[in-house]
Amino acid sequence: MHGVVLKAPIQGKTAIIDILRAAIPLYDFQRFTYRDYVNARFFMESNRASVDGMAVECAVWVHINEQGQADSVMVHHHPLPAALYFSRRMWQQVDEKYRELYLSPDEYAALTHG
């Protein structure tokens, strides 16, 4: 799993599921603007969302392998201030074993001058 809110890719089905379970409750809402297969190998969804009242746009690309299973997921959040904020919130939300993937409060403050 890749995304702008991460410092490194997430490897493994269990880790990806853990991260998704932590992320979903952070969204105030998600309104899908596109959600369909692009072709036999790629599924894409785009949505407008909010996290703690901050607007965020999300794009999710899912690669489908020859067995019809998802084998990689790429999630992008924008604009940059929303992506950075989401990363900081994820640092608070995830188990300690995943925290190094996200912006700590100090890192967030250094990047946003806040």
Protein backbone atom coordinates (compact mmCIF):
# COMPACT_ATOMS: atom_id res chain seq x y z
CA MET A 1 0.00 0.00 0.00
CA HIS A 2 1.40 3.40 -0.99
CA GLY A 3 0.14 6.89 -0.36
CA VAL A 4 1.28 10.42 0.22
CA VAL A 5 0.48 10.17 3.91
CA LEU A 6 3.02 7.39 4.43
CA LYS A 7 6.77 7.55 4.89
CA ALA A 8 7.20 4.05 3.39
CA PRO A 9 5.07 1.43 1.63
CA ILE A 10 3.03 -0.95 3.75
CA GLN A 11 3.75 -4.59 3.00
CA GLY A 12 1.49 -7.56 3.66
CA LYS A 13 -2.23 -8.22 3.72
CA THR A 14 -2.55 -8.05 7.53
CA ALA A 15 -0.76 -4.70 7.75
CA ILE A 16 -2.86 -3.22 4.93
CA ILE A 17 -6.09 -4.35 6.58
CA ASP A 18 -4.92 -2.94 9.94
CA ILE A 19 -4.14 0.41 8.34
CA LEU A 20 -7.45 0.58 6.45
CA ARG A 21 -9.37 -0.24 9.62
CA ALA A 22 -7.59 2.60 11.40
CA ALA A 23 -8.12 5.07 8.54
CA ILE A 24 -11.81 4.61 7.80
CA PRO A 25 -13.12 6.06 11.10
CA LEU A 26 -11.11 9.27 10.59
CA TYR A 27 -13.30 10.39 7.70
CA ASP A 28 -16.28 12.56 8.62
CA PHE A 29 -17.81 11.50 5.30
CA GLN A 30 -16.78 10.25 1.85
CA ARG A 31 -18.67 11.15 -1.34
CA PHE A 32 -17.59 9.03 -4.25
CA THR A 33 -17.19 10.87 -7.54
CA TYR A 34 -15.94 7.83 -9.46
CA ARG A 35 -15.89 4.15 -8.59
CA ASP A 36 -15.38 1.52 -11.28
CA TYR A 37 -12.97 -0.78 -13.08
CA VAL A 38 -10.69 1.13 -15.43
CA ASN A 39 -9.83 -2.17 -17.14
CA ALA A 40 -9.43 -5.82 -16.12
CA ARG A 41 -6.33 -5.01 -14.03
CA PHE A 42 -7.21 -1.72 -12.33
CA PHE A 43 -10.05 -0.55 -10.13
CA MET A 44 -10.17 3.15 -9.30
CA GLU A 45 -12.22 5.23 -6.94
CA SER A 46 -12.16 8.94 -6.29
CA ASN A 47 -13.92 10.70 -3.47
CA ARG A 48 -14.33 13.98 -1.69
CA ALA A 49 -14.08 13.67 2.04
CA SER A 50 -13.50 15.50 5.27
CA VAL A 51 -11.30 14.69 8.26
CA ASP A 52 -12.01 16.72 11.39
CA GLY A 53 -13.72 19.25 9.15
CA MET A 54 -10.73 19.58 6.79
CA ALA A 55 -11.60 18.94 3.13
CA VAL A 56 -9.57 16.21 1.46
CA GLU A 57 -9.70 14.66 -2.01
CA CYS A 58 -8.83 10.97 -2.26
CA ALA A 59 -7.91 8.73 -5.16
CA VAL A 60 -7.51 4.98 -4.73
CA TRP A 61 -5.97 2.68 -7.34
CA VAL A 62 -6.21 -1.07 -6.88
CA HIS A 63 -4.17 -3.42 -9.08
CA ILE A 64 -5.85 -6.76 -9.80
CA ASN A 65 -3.62 -9.81 -10.40
CA GLU A 66 -4.25 -12.69 -12.80
CA GLN A 67 -6.22 -14.54 -10.11
CA GLY A 68 -8.64 -11.61 -9.81
CA GLN A 69 -7.31 -10.52 -6.40
CA ALA A 70 -6.04 -7.14 -5.33
CA ASP A 71 -2.26 -7.31 -5.04
CA SER A 72 -1.45 -3.65 -4.50
CA VAL A 73 -3.28 -0.52 -3.42
CA MET A 74 -2.21 3.07 -3.90
CA VAL A 75 -4.02 5.83 -1.99
CA HIS A 76 -3.46 9.54 -2.62
CA HIS A 77 -4.76 12.42 -0.54
CA HIS A 78 -4.63 16.05 -1.61
CA PRO A 79 -4.19 18.97 -1.24
CA LEU A 80 -0.90 18.74 0.62
CA PRO A 81 -2.10 20.39 3.87
CA ALA A 82 -4.90 17.81 4.11
CA ALA A 83 -2.52 14.94 3.33
CA LEU A 84 -0.11 16.08 6.04
CA TYR A 85 -2.95 16.47 8.54
CA PHE A 86 -4.29 13.01 7.69
CA SER A 87 -0.82 11.55 8.26
CA ARG A 88 -0.61 13.17 11.69
CA ARG A 89 -4.07 11.88 12.60
CA MET A 90 -3.10 8.40 11.43
CA TRP A 91 -0.04 8.53 13.72
CA GLN A 92 -2.49 9.03 16.60
CA GLN A 93 -4.88 6.35 15.32
CA VAL A 94 -2.65 3.37 14.54
CA ASP A 95 -1.00 0.85 16.81
CA GLU A 96 2.52 1.74 17.89
CA LYS A 97 4.01 -0.76 15.41
CA TYR A 98 2.82 1.42 12.49
CA ARG A 99 3.58 4.86 13.90
CA GLU A 100 6.93 5.24 12.14
CA LEU A 101 5.00 5.28 8.84
CA TYR A 102 3.24 8.54 9.68
CA LEU A 103 4.05 12.08 10.75
CA SER A 104 4.53 12.46 14.48
CA PRO A 105 3.10 15.61 16.08
CA ASP A 106 6.60 17.17 16.11
CA GLU A 107 7.22 16.29 12.44
CA TYR A 108 3.83 17.69 11.49
CA ALA A 109 4.52 20.91 13.37
CA ALA A 110 7.92 21.30 11.69
CA LEU A 111 6.42 20.86 8.23
CA THR A 112 3.42 23.09 8.77
CA HIS A 113 4.95 25.67 11.11
CA GLY A 114 2.21 24.88 13.57
